[in-house]
Amino acid sequence: MKLSADLHTFAERIGHRFARPEFLLRAVTHSSISSPTRPDNQRLEFLGDRVLGLVMSEALLSADSAASEGQLAPRFNALVRKEACADVAREVGLGEVLKLGRSEMMSGGRRKEALLGDAMEAVIAAVYLDGGFDAARALVLRLWGDRIGAVESDARDAKTSLQEWAQARGQTPPNYTELGRDGPDHAPQFTVEVRLASGETAVATAGAKRQAEQSAAKALLARMENSDD
C-alpha cells in the first residue's frame, strides 16, 4: 500500500521511511473508526509502551552511570508517562493525522491527552515492527531529544511527592477538589484545589483534571518546601 499525503509528510517529520506503511496506518487508527478490516492501534499501543520503556531505561543508565535505582525510577516515570508521550505527539503533529470516528472528532479527540499519548506509543511500535529495535530506539531518542538529559534529578510525580511531604510531618494525605470546569466539551479547562490538613492550599487550571491536580500539587509543594528552608 501507499501512504496518503498527510501520513507521508508525518513519516518524514518523525524521520522514518516505512517499508510496510500499513503499520503506520494502524498506529494512527483509533478504535472509534476501526472495523474487522481496519484494526485499531490498541495492540500497537501495548507493544509501544514496552519498547519505549526499554529504550528509556537504556538511555538513562547510559546518561548517568552513578545514579541509583531510586534516582533512576522517577526520571524514567517522568519520561514515559502519558503526559510526556502526549507532549511529543503534539510536537510532531500526530493529532493532525489521527483517524477518528465522527463522535471522537466532534469531542476534540485530536487534542485529548490520553488519546495522543496512546497513539504516540502505537507509532513507536509501528516503527519497531517495520524497522526493528534499532530504528525504534533512534526514533525515541530523536523525538524525546533533550528531555532525557534535562529530566530533573528527582522527577517524582508531584502528587506523590506532596503526599510524602505531608505524611513525613504526621499529616493525612492532601485532598483534591474540582472547583470548576469551563470551556466547550472538546476543549475543557479544569480548575482544581489541593488542600493540606494544616490548611495550606493551591489552585491550578489545566486542560485535563489530572494535569490540574499535578500542577496544584507542584505549586503547593514548592511553597511548603520554601517555608521549610
N, C-alpha and C. Protein backbone atom coordinates (compact mmCIF):
# COMPACT_ATOMS: atom_id res chain seq x y z
N MET A 1 0.83 -1.19 0.00
CA MET A 1 0.00 0.00 0.00
C MET A 1 0.87 1.25 0.00
N LYS A 2 0.27 2.37 -0.39
CA LYS A 2 0.98 3.64 -0.42
C LYS A 2 0.37 4.58 0.61
N LEU A 3 1.22 5.31 1.32
CA LEU A 3 0.73 6.23 2.33
C LEU A 3 0.03 7.43 1.70
N SER A 4 -1.00 7.91 2.36
CA SER A 4 -1.65 9.14 1.92
C SER A 4 -0.67 10.29 2.10
N ALA A 5 -0.98 11.42 1.49
CA ALA A 5 -0.06 12.55 1.53
C ALA A 5 0.21 13.02 2.96
N ASP A 6 -0.85 13.05 3.80
CA ASP A 6 -0.65 13.53 5.17
C ASP A 6 0.20 12.57 5.98
N LEU A 7 0.01 11.26 5.79
CA LEU A 7 0.82 10.29 6.52
C LEU A 7 2.25 10.25 5.99
N HIS A 8 2.41 10.46 4.70
CA HIS A 8 3.77 10.52 4.14
C HIS A 8 4.54 11.69 4.75
N THR A 9 3.87 12.83 4.87
CA THR A 9 4.51 14.00 5.47
C THR A 9 4.82 13.75 6.94
N PHE A 10 3.90 13.08 7.63
CA PHE A 10 4.13 12.76 9.04
C PHE A 10 5.33 11.83 9.19
N ALA A 11 5.43 10.82 8.34
CA ALA A 11 6.55 9.88 8.41
C ALA A 11 7.88 10.62 8.20
N GLU A 12 7.88 11.59 7.30
CA GLU A 12 9.09 12.39 7.09
C GLU A 12 9.41 13.22 8.33
N ARG A 13 8.34 13.70 9.00
CA ARG A 13 8.53 14.54 10.18
C ARG A 13 9.17 13.75 11.32
N ILE A 14 8.81 12.49 11.47
CA ILE A 14 9.39 11.70 12.56
C ILE A 14 10.68 11.01 12.13
N GLY A 15 11.01 11.10 10.85
CA GLY A 15 12.30 10.60 10.38
C GLY A 15 12.38 9.11 10.14
N HIS A 16 11.28 8.48 9.73
CA HIS A 16 11.33 7.04 9.44
C HIS A 16 10.60 6.76 8.13
N ARG A 17 11.26 6.05 7.25
CA ARG A 17 10.65 5.64 5.98
C ARG A 17 10.11 4.22 6.14
N PHE A 18 8.82 4.07 6.02
CA PHE A 18 8.18 2.78 6.26
C PHE A 18 8.26 1.87 5.04
N ALA A 19 8.81 0.68 5.27
CA ALA A 19 8.80 -0.35 4.23
C ALA A 19 7.41 -0.97 4.15
N ARG A 20 6.72 -0.99 5.30
CA ARG A 20 5.35 -1.53 5.36
C ARG A 20 4.45 -0.43 5.94
N PRO A 21 3.91 0.42 5.08
CA PRO A 21 3.11 1.57 5.53
C PRO A 21 1.88 1.20 6.34
N GLU A 22 1.42 -0.05 6.19
CA GLU A 22 0.22 -0.45 6.93
C GLU A 22 0.43 -0.37 8.44
N PHE A 23 1.67 -0.49 8.90
CA PHE A 23 1.94 -0.35 10.33
C PHE A 23 1.62 1.07 10.81
N LEU A 24 2.02 2.05 10.04
CA LEU A 24 1.74 3.44 10.43
C LEU A 24 0.24 3.73 10.36
N LEU A 25 -0.42 3.24 9.33
CA LEU A 25 -1.86 3.46 9.22
C LEU A 25 -2.59 2.88 10.42
N ARG A 26 -2.19 1.70 10.84
CA ARG A 26 -2.81 1.10 12.02
C ARG A 26 -2.50 1.90 13.28
N ALA A 27 -1.30 2.43 13.37
CA ALA A 27 -0.90 3.17 14.57
C ALA A 27 -1.73 4.44 14.76
N VAL A 28 -2.23 5.01 13.69
CA VAL A 28 -3.00 6.26 13.80
C VAL A 28 -4.50 6.02 13.73
N THR A 29 -4.92 4.76 13.75
CA THR A 29 -6.35 4.43 13.67
C THR A 29 -6.93 4.19 15.05
N HIS A 30 -7.84 5.05 15.45
CA HIS A 30 -8.48 4.95 16.77
C HIS A 30 -9.62 3.94 16.72
N SER A 31 -9.94 3.39 17.86
CA SER A 31 -11.00 2.37 17.93
C SER A 31 -12.35 2.91 17.48
N SER A 32 -12.55 4.24 17.52
CA SER A 32 -13.83 4.81 17.14
C SER A 32 -14.12 4.70 15.65
N ILE A 33 -13.09 4.33 14.86
CA ILE A 33 -13.31 4.20 13.42
C ILE A 33 -12.82 2.85 12.89
N SER A 34 -12.47 1.95 13.79
CA SER A 34 -11.94 0.65 13.38
C SER A 34 -13.07 -0.26 12.88
N SER A 35 -12.67 -1.32 12.18
CA SER A 35 -13.60 -2.32 11.66
C SER A 35 -12.84 -3.63 11.53
N PRO A 36 -13.54 -4.73 11.19
CA PRO A 36 -12.84 -6.01 11.03
C PRO A 36 -11.71 -5.95 10.00
N THR A 37 -11.84 -5.06 9.03
CA THR A 37 -10.80 -4.95 8.00
C THR A 37 -9.88 -3.76 8.24
N ARG A 38 -10.15 -3.01 9.32
CA ARG A 38 -9.33 -1.84 9.64
C ARG A 38 -9.05 -1.84 11.13
N PRO A 39 -8.06 -2.60 11.57
CA PRO A 39 -7.78 -2.73 13.01
C PRO A 39 -7.31 -1.42 13.64
N ASP A 40 -7.63 -1.26 14.93
CA ASP A 40 -7.22 -0.04 15.62
C ASP A 40 -5.82 -0.20 16.19
N ASN A 41 -5.39 0.83 16.93
CA ASN A 41 -3.99 0.88 17.39
C ASN A 41 -3.76 0.36 18.81
N GLN A 42 -4.76 -0.29 19.42
CA GLN A 42 -4.62 -0.66 20.82
C GLN A 42 -3.54 -1.69 21.07
N ARG A 43 -3.42 -2.67 20.20
CA ARG A 43 -2.37 -3.68 20.38
C ARG A 43 -0.99 -3.07 20.16
N LEU A 44 -0.90 -2.15 19.20
CA LEU A 44 0.37 -1.46 18.98
C LEU A 44 0.73 -0.59 20.18
N GLU A 45 -0.27 0.04 20.77
CA GLU A 45 -0.02 0.85 21.97
C GLU A 45 0.62 0.00 23.07
N PHE A 46 0.09 -1.21 23.27
CA PHE A 46 0.62 -2.13 24.28
C PHE A 46 2.09 -2.42 24.01
N LEU A 47 2.42 -2.70 22.76
CA LEU A 47 3.80 -3.02 22.40
C LEU A 47 4.69 -1.78 22.51
N GLY A 48 4.20 -0.66 22.01
CA GLY A 48 5.00 0.55 22.01
C GLY A 48 5.37 1.01 23.41
N ASP A 49 4.47 0.82 24.35
CA ASP A 49 4.75 1.18 25.74
C ASP A 49 5.96 0.42 26.25
N ARG A 50 6.06 -0.85 25.89
CA ARG A 50 7.19 -1.68 26.35
C ARG A 50 8.48 -1.29 25.63
N VAL A 51 8.39 -1.00 24.34
CA VAL A 51 9.58 -0.58 23.60
C VAL A 51 10.10 0.74 24.15
N LEU A 52 9.21 1.69 24.38
CA LEU A 52 9.59 2.98 24.95
C LEU A 52 10.27 2.79 26.30
N GLY A 53 9.71 1.92 27.13
CA GLY A 53 10.28 1.68 28.44
C GLY A 53 11.70 1.13 28.36
N LEU A 54 11.93 0.21 27.44
CA LEU A 54 13.28 -0.36 27.31
C LEU A 54 14.27 0.69 26.80
N VAL A 55 13.86 1.46 25.81
CA VAL A 55 14.76 2.50 25.27
C VAL A 55 15.11 3.51 26.36
N MET A 56 14.11 3.93 27.13
CA MET A 56 14.36 4.92 28.17
C MET A 56 15.22 4.36 29.29
N SER A 57 15.00 3.13 29.67
CA SER A 57 15.83 2.51 30.70
C SER A 57 17.28 2.48 30.27
N GLU A 58 17.51 2.08 29.04
CA GLU A 58 18.86 2.01 28.49
C GLU A 58 19.48 3.40 28.42
N ALA A 59 18.70 4.39 27.98
CA ALA A 59 19.22 5.76 27.83
C ALA A 59 19.58 6.37 29.17
N LEU A 60 18.75 6.14 30.17
CA LEU A 60 19.01 6.71 31.49
C LEU A 60 20.24 6.07 32.15
N LEU A 61 20.40 4.79 31.98
CA LEU A 61 21.58 4.11 32.53
C LEU A 61 22.84 4.66 31.87
N SER A 62 22.76 4.88 30.57
CA SER A 62 23.91 5.39 29.83
C SER A 62 24.22 6.84 30.20
N ALA A 63 23.17 7.63 30.46
CA ALA A 63 23.35 9.06 30.75
C ALA A 63 23.95 9.31 32.12
N ASP A 64 23.71 8.41 33.07
CA ASP A 64 24.21 8.62 34.43
C ASP A 64 24.59 7.28 35.04
N SER A 65 25.85 6.93 34.90
CA SER A 65 26.33 5.62 35.36
C SER A 65 26.38 5.52 36.87
N ALA A 66 26.29 6.65 37.58
CA ALA A 66 26.39 6.63 39.04
C ALA A 66 25.03 6.68 39.73
N ALA A 67 23.96 6.86 38.97
CA ALA A 67 22.63 7.01 39.57
C ALA A 67 22.15 5.71 40.19
N SER A 68 21.49 5.83 41.32
CA SER A 68 20.90 4.66 41.98
C SER A 68 19.53 4.36 41.37
N GLU A 69 19.01 3.18 41.70
CA GLU A 69 17.67 2.83 41.22
C GLU A 69 16.64 3.84 41.71
N GLY A 70 16.83 4.30 42.93
CA GLY A 70 15.90 5.28 43.49
C GLY A 70 15.92 6.60 42.76
N GLN A 71 17.03 6.95 42.14
CA GLN A 71 17.11 8.17 41.34
C GLN A 71 16.62 7.94 39.92
N LEU A 72 16.90 6.76 39.39
CA LEU A 72 16.52 6.46 38.02
C LEU A 72 15.01 6.28 37.85
N ALA A 73 14.36 5.66 38.82
CA ALA A 73 12.93 5.36 38.69
C ALA A 73 12.07 6.59 38.45
N PRO A 74 12.22 7.67 39.25
CA PRO A 74 11.38 8.85 38.98
C PRO A 74 11.70 9.52 37.66
N ARG A 75 12.96 9.48 37.24
CA ARG A 75 13.31 10.05 35.94
C ARG A 75 12.62 9.26 34.83
N PHE A 76 12.68 7.94 34.97
CA PHE A 76 12.03 7.06 34.00
C PHE A 76 10.54 7.37 33.91
N ASN A 77 9.89 7.44 35.06
CA ASN A 77 8.44 7.69 35.08
C ASN A 77 8.10 9.02 34.43
N ALA A 78 8.93 10.03 34.65
CA ALA A 78 8.67 11.35 34.07
C ALA A 78 8.77 11.32 32.55
N LEU A 79 9.62 10.46 32.01
CA LEU A 79 9.84 10.42 30.57
C LEU A 79 8.84 9.54 29.82
N VAL A 80 8.28 8.52 30.48
CA VAL A 80 7.40 7.59 29.77
C VAL A 80 5.92 7.77 30.10
N ARG A 81 5.59 8.61 31.07
CA ARG A 81 4.18 8.74 31.42
C ARG A 81 3.39 9.36 30.27
N LYS A 82 2.07 9.18 30.35
CA LYS A 82 1.19 9.57 29.26
C LYS A 82 1.35 11.03 28.87
N GLU A 83 1.55 11.92 29.86
CA GLU A 83 1.68 13.34 29.56
C GLU A 83 2.91 13.61 28.69
N ALA A 84 4.01 12.92 28.97
CA ALA A 84 5.23 13.11 28.18
C ALA A 84 5.02 12.63 26.75
N CYS A 85 4.37 11.48 26.61
CA CYS A 85 4.09 10.95 25.27
C CYS A 85 3.18 11.89 24.50
N ALA A 86 2.19 12.46 25.18
CA ALA A 86 1.27 13.39 24.52
C ALA A 86 2.00 14.66 24.10
N ASP A 87 2.92 15.13 24.92
CA ASP A 87 3.69 16.33 24.56
C ASP A 87 4.50 16.09 23.29
N VAL A 88 5.13 14.93 23.20
CA VAL A 88 5.90 14.60 21.99
C VAL A 88 4.96 14.50 20.79
N ALA A 89 3.80 13.88 21.01
CA ALA A 89 2.82 13.74 19.93
C ALA A 89 2.42 15.11 19.38
N ARG A 90 2.22 16.07 20.27
CA ARG A 90 1.85 17.42 19.82
C ARG A 90 2.98 18.05 19.02
N GLU A 91 4.21 17.85 19.46
CA GLU A 91 5.35 18.45 18.78
C GLU A 91 5.49 17.96 17.34
N VAL A 92 5.14 16.70 17.09
CA VAL A 92 5.28 16.15 15.73
C VAL A 92 3.97 16.19 14.95
N GLY A 93 2.94 16.80 15.53
CA GLY A 93 1.67 16.94 14.82
C GLY A 93 0.92 15.63 14.63
N LEU A 94 1.05 14.72 15.57
CA LEU A 94 0.38 13.43 15.44
C LEU A 94 -1.14 13.57 15.43
N GLY A 95 -1.67 14.50 16.22
CA GLY A 95 -3.11 14.68 16.27
C GLY A 95 -3.72 14.99 14.92
N GLU A 96 -2.96 15.66 14.07
CA GLU A 96 -3.47 16.07 12.76
C GLU A 96 -3.71 14.89 11.83
N VAL A 97 -3.04 13.77 12.06
CA VAL A 97 -3.17 12.64 11.13
C VAL A 97 -3.93 11.46 11.73
N LEU A 98 -4.45 11.61 12.93
CA LEU A 98 -5.21 10.52 13.54
C LEU A 98 -6.48 10.24 12.76
N LYS A 99 -6.81 8.96 12.66
CA LYS A 99 -8.04 8.53 12.00
C LYS A 99 -9.08 8.27 13.09
N LEU A 100 -10.08 9.14 13.17
CA LEU A 100 -11.06 9.10 14.25
C LEU A 100 -12.47 8.99 13.71
N GLY A 101 -13.35 8.40 14.53
CA GLY A 101 -14.76 8.39 14.22
C GLY A 101 -15.34 9.79 14.40
N ARG A 102 -16.51 10.02 13.83
CA ARG A 102 -17.10 11.36 13.87
C ARG A 102 -17.32 11.84 15.30
N SER A 103 -17.83 10.97 16.17
CA SER A 103 -18.11 11.40 17.54
C SER A 103 -16.83 11.79 18.27
N GLU A 104 -15.76 11.05 18.03
CA GLU A 104 -14.49 11.35 18.67
C GLU A 104 -13.91 12.67 18.14
N MET A 105 -14.08 12.90 16.85
CA MET A 105 -13.60 14.16 16.29
C MET A 105 -14.38 15.35 16.86
N MET A 106 -15.70 15.18 16.99
CA MET A 106 -16.54 16.26 17.49
C MET A 106 -16.23 16.59 18.95
N SER A 107 -15.74 15.61 19.69
CA SER A 107 -15.44 15.83 21.11
C SER A 107 -13.99 16.25 21.34
N GLY A 108 -13.30 16.63 20.27
CA GLY A 108 -11.92 17.12 20.41
C GLY A 108 -10.88 16.05 20.57
N GLY A 109 -11.10 14.89 19.97
CA GLY A 109 -10.18 13.76 20.13
C GLY A 109 -8.75 14.05 19.71
N ARG A 110 -8.57 14.92 18.73
CA ARG A 110 -7.21 15.21 18.25
C ARG A 110 -6.37 15.94 19.29
N ARG A 111 -7.02 16.46 20.34
CA ARG A 111 -6.28 17.18 21.37
C ARG A 111 -6.29 16.48 22.73
N LYS A 112 -6.95 15.32 22.83
CA LYS A 112 -7.06 14.63 24.11
C LYS A 112 -5.72 14.02 24.53
N GLU A 113 -5.35 14.28 25.76
CA GLU A 113 -4.05 13.83 26.26
C GLU A 113 -3.88 12.32 26.18
N ALA A 114 -4.85 11.58 26.69
CA ALA A 114 -4.73 10.12 26.71
C ALA A 114 -4.68 9.56 25.30
N LEU A 115 -5.52 10.09 24.42
CA LEU A 115 -5.56 9.59 23.05
C LEU A 115 -4.24 9.87 22.32
N LEU A 116 -3.68 11.05 22.51
CA LEU A 116 -2.40 11.39 21.88
C LEU A 116 -1.27 10.53 22.44
N GLY A 117 -1.27 10.35 23.77
CA GLY A 117 -0.22 9.53 24.38
C GLY A 117 -0.27 8.09 23.89
N ASP A 118 -1.47 7.54 23.81
CA ASP A 118 -1.62 6.17 23.32
C ASP A 118 -1.16 6.04 21.87
N ALA A 119 -1.53 7.01 21.05
CA ALA A 119 -1.16 6.96 19.63
C ALA A 119 0.35 7.09 19.45
N MET A 120 1.00 7.89 20.31
CA MET A 120 2.45 8.03 20.21
C MET A 120 3.13 6.69 20.50
N GLU A 121 2.64 5.99 21.51
CA GLU A 121 3.18 4.66 21.81
C GLU A 121 2.95 3.71 20.63
N ALA A 122 1.80 3.82 19.98
CA ALA A 122 1.49 2.97 18.83
C ALA A 122 2.44 3.26 17.67
N VAL A 123 2.77 4.52 17.47
CA VAL A 123 3.71 4.88 16.40
C VAL A 123 5.09 4.28 16.68
N ILE A 124 5.51 4.30 17.94
CA ILE A 124 6.79 3.68 18.30
C ILE A 124 6.78 2.20 17.94
N ALA A 125 5.67 1.54 18.26
CA ALA A 125 5.54 0.12 17.93
C ALA A 125 5.56 -0.10 16.42
N ALA A 126 4.91 0.79 15.68
CA ALA A 126 4.89 0.66 14.22
C ALA A 126 6.30 0.72 13.65
N VAL A 127 7.11 1.64 14.17
CA VAL A 127 8.49 1.76 13.71
C VAL A 127 9.29 0.52 14.12
N TYR A 128 9.03 0.02 15.32
CA TYR A 128 9.72 -1.19 15.80
C TYR A 128 9.41 -2.38 14.89
N LEU A 129 8.15 -2.58 14.55
CA LEU A 129 7.76 -3.70 13.70
C LEU A 129 8.28 -3.54 12.28
N ASP A 130 8.35 -2.29 11.83
CA ASP A 130 8.78 -2.03 10.46
C ASP A 130 10.29 -2.09 10.30
N GLY A 131 11.03 -1.55 11.29
CA GLY A 131 12.47 -1.43 11.13
C GLY A 131 13.32 -2.07 12.19
N GLY A 132 12.69 -2.68 13.21
CA GLY A 132 13.45 -3.33 14.26
C GLY A 132 13.76 -2.40 15.43
N PHE A 133 14.42 -2.96 16.43
CA PHE A 133 14.67 -2.20 17.66
C PHE A 133 15.58 -1.00 17.44
N ASP A 134 16.58 -1.13 16.59
CA ASP A 134 17.49 -0.01 16.37
C ASP A 134 16.75 1.19 15.79
N ALA A 135 15.81 0.94 14.89
CA ALA A 135 15.02 2.03 14.31
C ALA A 135 14.12 2.67 15.36
N ALA A 136 13.52 1.84 16.21
CA ALA A 136 12.66 2.36 17.26
C ALA A 136 13.46 3.16 18.28
N ARG A 137 14.64 2.66 18.63
CA ARG A 137 15.50 3.39 19.57
C ARG A 137 15.88 4.75 18.99
N ALA A 138 16.27 4.77 17.73
CA ALA A 138 16.65 6.02 17.08
C ALA A 138 15.49 7.00 17.07
N LEU A 139 14.28 6.51 16.82
CA LEU A 139 13.09 7.36 16.81
C LEU A 139 12.86 7.98 18.17
N VAL A 140 12.88 7.16 19.22
CA VAL A 140 12.61 7.65 20.57
C VAL A 140 13.66 8.66 20.99
N LEU A 141 14.92 8.36 20.77
CA LEU A 141 15.99 9.28 21.18
C LEU A 141 15.90 10.59 20.41
N ARG A 142 15.47 10.50 19.16
CA ARG A 142 15.34 11.71 18.34
C ARG A 142 14.16 12.57 18.81
N LEU A 143 13.03 11.94 19.07
CA LEU A 143 11.83 12.69 19.43
C LEU A 143 11.85 13.17 20.88
N TRP A 144 12.40 12.37 21.78
CA TRP A 144 12.48 12.79 23.18
C TRP A 144 13.64 13.76 23.40
N GLY A 145 14.65 13.66 22.54
CA GLY A 145 15.74 14.63 22.49
C GLY A 145 16.27 15.07 23.83
N ASP A 146 16.23 16.39 24.05
CA ASP A 146 16.81 16.98 25.24
C ASP A 146 16.07 16.61 26.52
N ARG A 147 14.88 16.06 26.40
CA ARG A 147 14.13 15.68 27.61
C ARG A 147 14.93 14.72 28.48
N ILE A 148 15.67 13.83 27.84
CA ILE A 148 16.40 12.80 28.59
C ILE A 148 17.49 13.43 29.45
N GLY A 149 18.26 14.33 28.86
CA GLY A 149 19.33 14.96 29.61
C GLY A 149 18.84 15.99 30.61
N ALA A 150 17.66 16.57 30.32
CA ALA A 150 17.16 17.65 31.16
C ALA A 150 16.19 17.18 32.24
N VAL A 151 15.85 15.89 32.24
CA VAL A 151 14.89 15.41 33.23
C VAL A 151 15.43 15.69 34.63
N GLU A 152 14.58 16.16 35.50
CA GLU A 152 15.01 16.54 36.85
C GLU A 152 15.60 15.35 37.58
N SER A 153 16.64 15.64 38.39
CA SER A 153 17.28 14.56 39.15
C SER A 153 16.29 13.85 40.04
N ASP A 154 15.35 14.59 40.59
CA ASP A 154 14.28 13.97 41.37
C ASP A 154 12.97 14.34 40.70
N ALA A 155 12.57 13.53 39.72
CA ALA A 155 11.40 13.84 38.90
C ALA A 155 10.16 13.11 39.37
N ARG A 156 10.06 12.91 40.66
CA ARG A 156 8.90 12.19 41.16
C ARG A 156 7.60 12.92 40.84
N ASP A 157 6.56 12.15 40.66
CA ASP A 157 5.22 12.67 40.46
C ASP A 157 4.91 13.67 41.58
N ALA A 158 4.42 14.86 41.20
CA ALA A 158 4.20 15.93 42.18
C ALA A 158 3.19 15.53 43.25
N LYS A 159 2.14 14.81 42.87
CA LYS A 159 1.14 14.40 43.86
C LYS A 159 1.76 13.44 44.87
N THR A 160 2.58 12.53 44.37
CA THR A 160 3.24 11.57 45.27
C THR A 160 4.20 12.30 46.20
N SER A 161 4.96 13.24 45.65
CA SER A 161 5.93 13.97 46.46
C SER A 161 5.23 14.79 47.54
N LEU A 162 4.10 15.42 47.21
CA LEU A 162 3.38 16.22 48.20
C LEU A 162 2.81 15.32 49.30
N GLN A 163 2.31 14.15 48.89
CA GLN A 163 1.78 13.22 49.89
C GLN A 163 2.88 12.75 50.83
N GLU A 164 4.05 12.46 50.28
CA GLU A 164 5.17 12.03 51.11
C GLU A 164 5.59 13.15 52.06
N TRP A 165 5.58 14.39 51.56
CA TRP A 165 5.93 15.54 52.40
C TRP A 165 4.97 15.66 53.57
N ALA A 166 3.67 15.51 53.28
CA ALA A 166 2.65 15.64 54.33
C ALA A 166 2.76 14.51 55.35
N GLN A 167 2.92 13.29 54.87
CA GLN A 167 2.98 12.14 55.78
C GLN A 167 4.23 12.19 56.65
N ALA A 168 5.32 12.74 56.12
CA ALA A 168 6.54 12.86 56.91
C ALA A 168 6.36 13.81 58.09
N ARG A 169 5.33 14.66 58.00
CA ARG A 169 5.05 15.62 59.07
C ARG A 169 3.79 15.26 59.85
N GLY A 170 3.40 13.99 59.74
CA GLY A 170 2.28 13.49 60.51
C GLY A 170 0.91 13.91 60.00
N GLN A 171 0.83 14.40 58.77
CA GLN A 171 -0.44 14.84 58.22
C GLN A 171 -1.08 13.74 57.38
N THR A 172 -2.38 13.82 57.23
CA THR A 172 -3.10 12.92 56.33
C THR A 172 -2.81 13.32 54.88
N PRO A 173 -3.08 12.46 53.92
CA PRO A 173 -2.80 12.80 52.52
C PRO A 173 -3.57 14.05 52.08
N PRO A 174 -3.02 14.81 51.15
CA PRO A 174 -3.70 16.01 50.65
C PRO A 174 -5.05 15.68 50.02
N ASN A 175 -5.94 16.64 50.05
CA ASN A 175 -7.27 16.47 49.48
C ASN A 175 -7.39 17.32 48.21
N TYR A 176 -7.93 16.73 47.14
CA TYR A 176 -8.08 17.43 45.87
C TYR A 176 -9.56 17.64 45.57
N THR A 177 -9.91 18.86 45.22
CA THR A 177 -11.30 19.20 44.93
C THR A 177 -11.40 19.91 43.59
N GLU A 178 -12.29 19.43 42.73
CA GLU A 178 -12.53 20.11 41.45
C GLU A 178 -13.41 21.33 41.71
N LEU A 179 -12.87 22.52 41.48
CA LEU A 179 -13.61 23.76 41.73
C LEU A 179 -14.48 24.17 40.55
N GLY A 180 -14.11 23.74 39.37
CA GLY A 180 -14.90 24.12 38.21
C GLY A 180 -14.40 23.52 36.93
N ARG A 181 -15.28 23.53 35.95
CA ARG A 181 -14.93 23.07 34.61
C ARG A 181 -15.54 24.05 33.63
N ASP A 182 -14.69 24.66 32.80
CA ASP A 182 -15.14 25.66 31.84
C ASP A 182 -14.74 25.26 30.43
N GLY A 183 -15.27 25.99 29.47
CA GLY A 183 -14.92 25.75 28.08
C GLY A 183 -15.82 24.72 27.43
N PRO A 184 -15.71 24.57 26.11
CA PRO A 184 -16.53 23.60 25.37
C PRO A 184 -16.13 22.17 25.68
N ASP A 185 -16.99 21.23 25.34
CA ASP A 185 -16.73 19.82 25.63
C ASP A 185 -15.44 19.33 24.97
N HIS A 186 -15.12 19.88 23.80
CA HIS A 186 -13.93 19.39 23.09
C HIS A 186 -12.64 20.00 23.61
N ALA A 187 -12.74 21.03 24.44
CA ALA A 187 -11.53 21.66 24.98
C ALA A 187 -11.80 22.19 26.39
N PRO A 188 -12.12 21.31 27.34
CA PRO A 188 -12.45 21.76 28.69
C PRO A 188 -11.23 22.26 29.46
N GLN A 189 -11.49 23.08 30.46
CA GLN A 189 -10.45 23.56 31.36
C GLN A 189 -10.90 23.25 32.78
N PHE A 190 -10.10 22.49 33.51
CA PHE A 190 -10.42 22.07 34.86
C PHE A 190 -9.66 22.92 35.88
N THR A 191 -10.35 23.36 36.90
CA THR A 191 -9.72 24.08 37.99
C THR A 191 -9.80 23.23 39.24
N VAL A 192 -8.65 22.95 39.84
CA VAL A 192 -8.56 22.04 40.98
C VAL A 192 -7.84 22.72 42.14
N GLU A 193 -8.34 22.45 43.35
CA GLU A 193 -7.67 22.94 44.55
C GLU A 193 -7.11 21.75 45.33
N VAL A 194 -5.88 21.89 45.81
CA VAL A 194 -5.31 20.89 46.71
C VAL A 194 -5.19 21.54 48.09
N ARG A 195 -5.54 20.77 49.13
CA ARG A 195 -5.53 21.31 50.49
C ARG A 195 -4.85 20.32 51.43
N LEU A 196 -3.95 20.84 52.25
CA LEU A 196 -3.31 20.05 53.29
C LEU A 196 -4.16 20.09 54.56
N ALA A 197 -3.97 19.09 55.40
CA ALA A 197 -4.71 19.06 56.67
C ALA A 197 -4.41 20.28 57.53
N SER A 198 -3.23 20.85 57.34
CA SER A 198 -2.83 22.03 58.11
C SER A 198 -3.43 23.33 57.55
N GLY A 199 -4.18 23.22 56.43
CA GLY A 199 -4.90 24.36 55.90
C GLY A 199 -4.33 25.03 54.67
N GLU A 200 -3.08 24.77 54.33
CA GLU A 200 -2.49 25.41 53.16
C GLU A 200 -3.12 24.86 51.87
N THR A 201 -3.29 25.74 50.88
CA THR A 201 -3.93 25.34 49.63
C THR A 201 -3.18 25.90 48.42
N ALA A 202 -3.48 25.33 47.27
CA ALA A 202 -3.01 25.87 45.98
C ALA A 202 -4.05 25.49 44.94
N VAL A 203 -4.18 26.32 43.94
CA VAL A 203 -5.16 26.11 42.88
C VAL A 203 -4.45 26.15 41.53
N ALA A 204 -4.90 25.29 40.61
CA ALA A 204 -4.32 25.28 39.26
C ALA A 204 -5.40 24.93 38.25
N THR A 205 -5.21 25.38 37.03
CA THR A 205 -6.14 25.11 35.93
C THR A 205 -5.38 24.49 34.76
N ALA A 206 -5.98 23.47 34.15
CA ALA A 206 -5.35 22.80 33.01
C ALA A 206 -6.41 22.13 32.17
N GLY A 207 -5.99 21.63 31.01
CA GLY A 207 -6.93 21.00 30.09
C GLY A 207 -7.32 19.59 30.45
N ALA A 208 -6.70 19.03 31.47
CA ALA A 208 -7.05 17.69 31.96
C ALA A 208 -7.06 17.74 33.49
N LYS A 209 -7.98 17.01 34.09
CA LYS A 209 -8.11 17.07 35.55
C LYS A 209 -6.83 16.60 36.23
N ARG A 210 -6.25 15.53 35.74
CA ARG A 210 -5.01 15.01 36.34
C ARG A 210 -3.89 16.04 36.23
N GLN A 211 -3.82 16.70 35.08
CA GLN A 211 -2.78 17.71 34.90
C GLN A 211 -2.97 18.88 35.86
N ALA A 212 -4.23 19.27 36.08
CA ALA A 212 -4.51 20.35 37.02
C ALA A 212 -4.12 19.94 38.44
N GLU A 213 -4.41 18.69 38.80
CA GLU A 213 -4.03 18.20 40.12
C GLU A 213 -2.51 18.22 40.29
N GLN A 214 -1.80 17.78 39.26
CA GLN A 214 -0.34 17.76 39.32
C GLN A 214 0.22 19.17 39.47
N SER A 215 -0.34 20.12 38.70
CA SER A 215 0.15 21.49 38.75
C SER A 215 -0.11 22.11 40.11
N ALA A 216 -1.29 21.84 40.68
CA ALA A 216 -1.60 22.37 42.00
C ALA A 216 -0.68 21.77 43.05
N ALA A 217 -0.45 20.47 42.97
CA ALA A 217 0.44 19.79 43.92
C ALA A 217 1.86 20.34 43.82
N LYS A 218 2.32 20.55 42.60
CA LYS A 218 3.68 21.06 42.40
C LYS A 218 3.83 22.46 43.00
N ALA A 219 2.81 23.31 42.80
CA ALA A 219 2.86 24.67 43.33
C ALA A 219 2.86 24.67 44.86
N LEU A 220 2.00 23.84 45.44
CA LEU A 220 1.92 23.80 46.90
C LEU A 220 3.18 23.20 47.50
N LEU A 221 3.71 22.16 46.88
CA LEU A 221 4.92 21.53 47.39
C LEU A 221 6.08 22.52 47.37
N ALA A 222 6.23 23.27 46.27
CA ALA A 222 7.31 24.24 46.19
C ALA A 222 7.18 25.29 47.30
N ARG A 223 5.96 25.72 47.55
CA ARG A 223 5.74 26.73 48.61
C ARG A 223 6.08 26.18 49.98
N MET A 224 5.66 24.95 50.25
CA MET A 224 5.90 24.35 51.56
C MET A 224 7.39 24.06 51.77
N GLU A 225 8.06 23.61 50.72
CA GLU A 225 9.50 23.34 50.86
C GLU A 225 10.28 24.63 51.07
N ASN A 226 9.83 25.70 50.44
CA ASN A 226 10.50 27.00 50.65
C ASN A 226 10.30 27.48 52.10
N SER A 227 9.13 27.18 52.63
CA SER A 227 8.86 27.64 54.02
C SER A 227 9.66 26.82 55.02
N ASP A 228 10.10 25.60 54.59
CA ASP A 228 10.91 24.75 55.48
C ASP A 228 12.34 25.27 55.58
N ASP A 229 12.76 26.01 54.55
CA ASP A 229 14.18 26.44 54.49
C ASP A 229 14.48 27.47 55.60
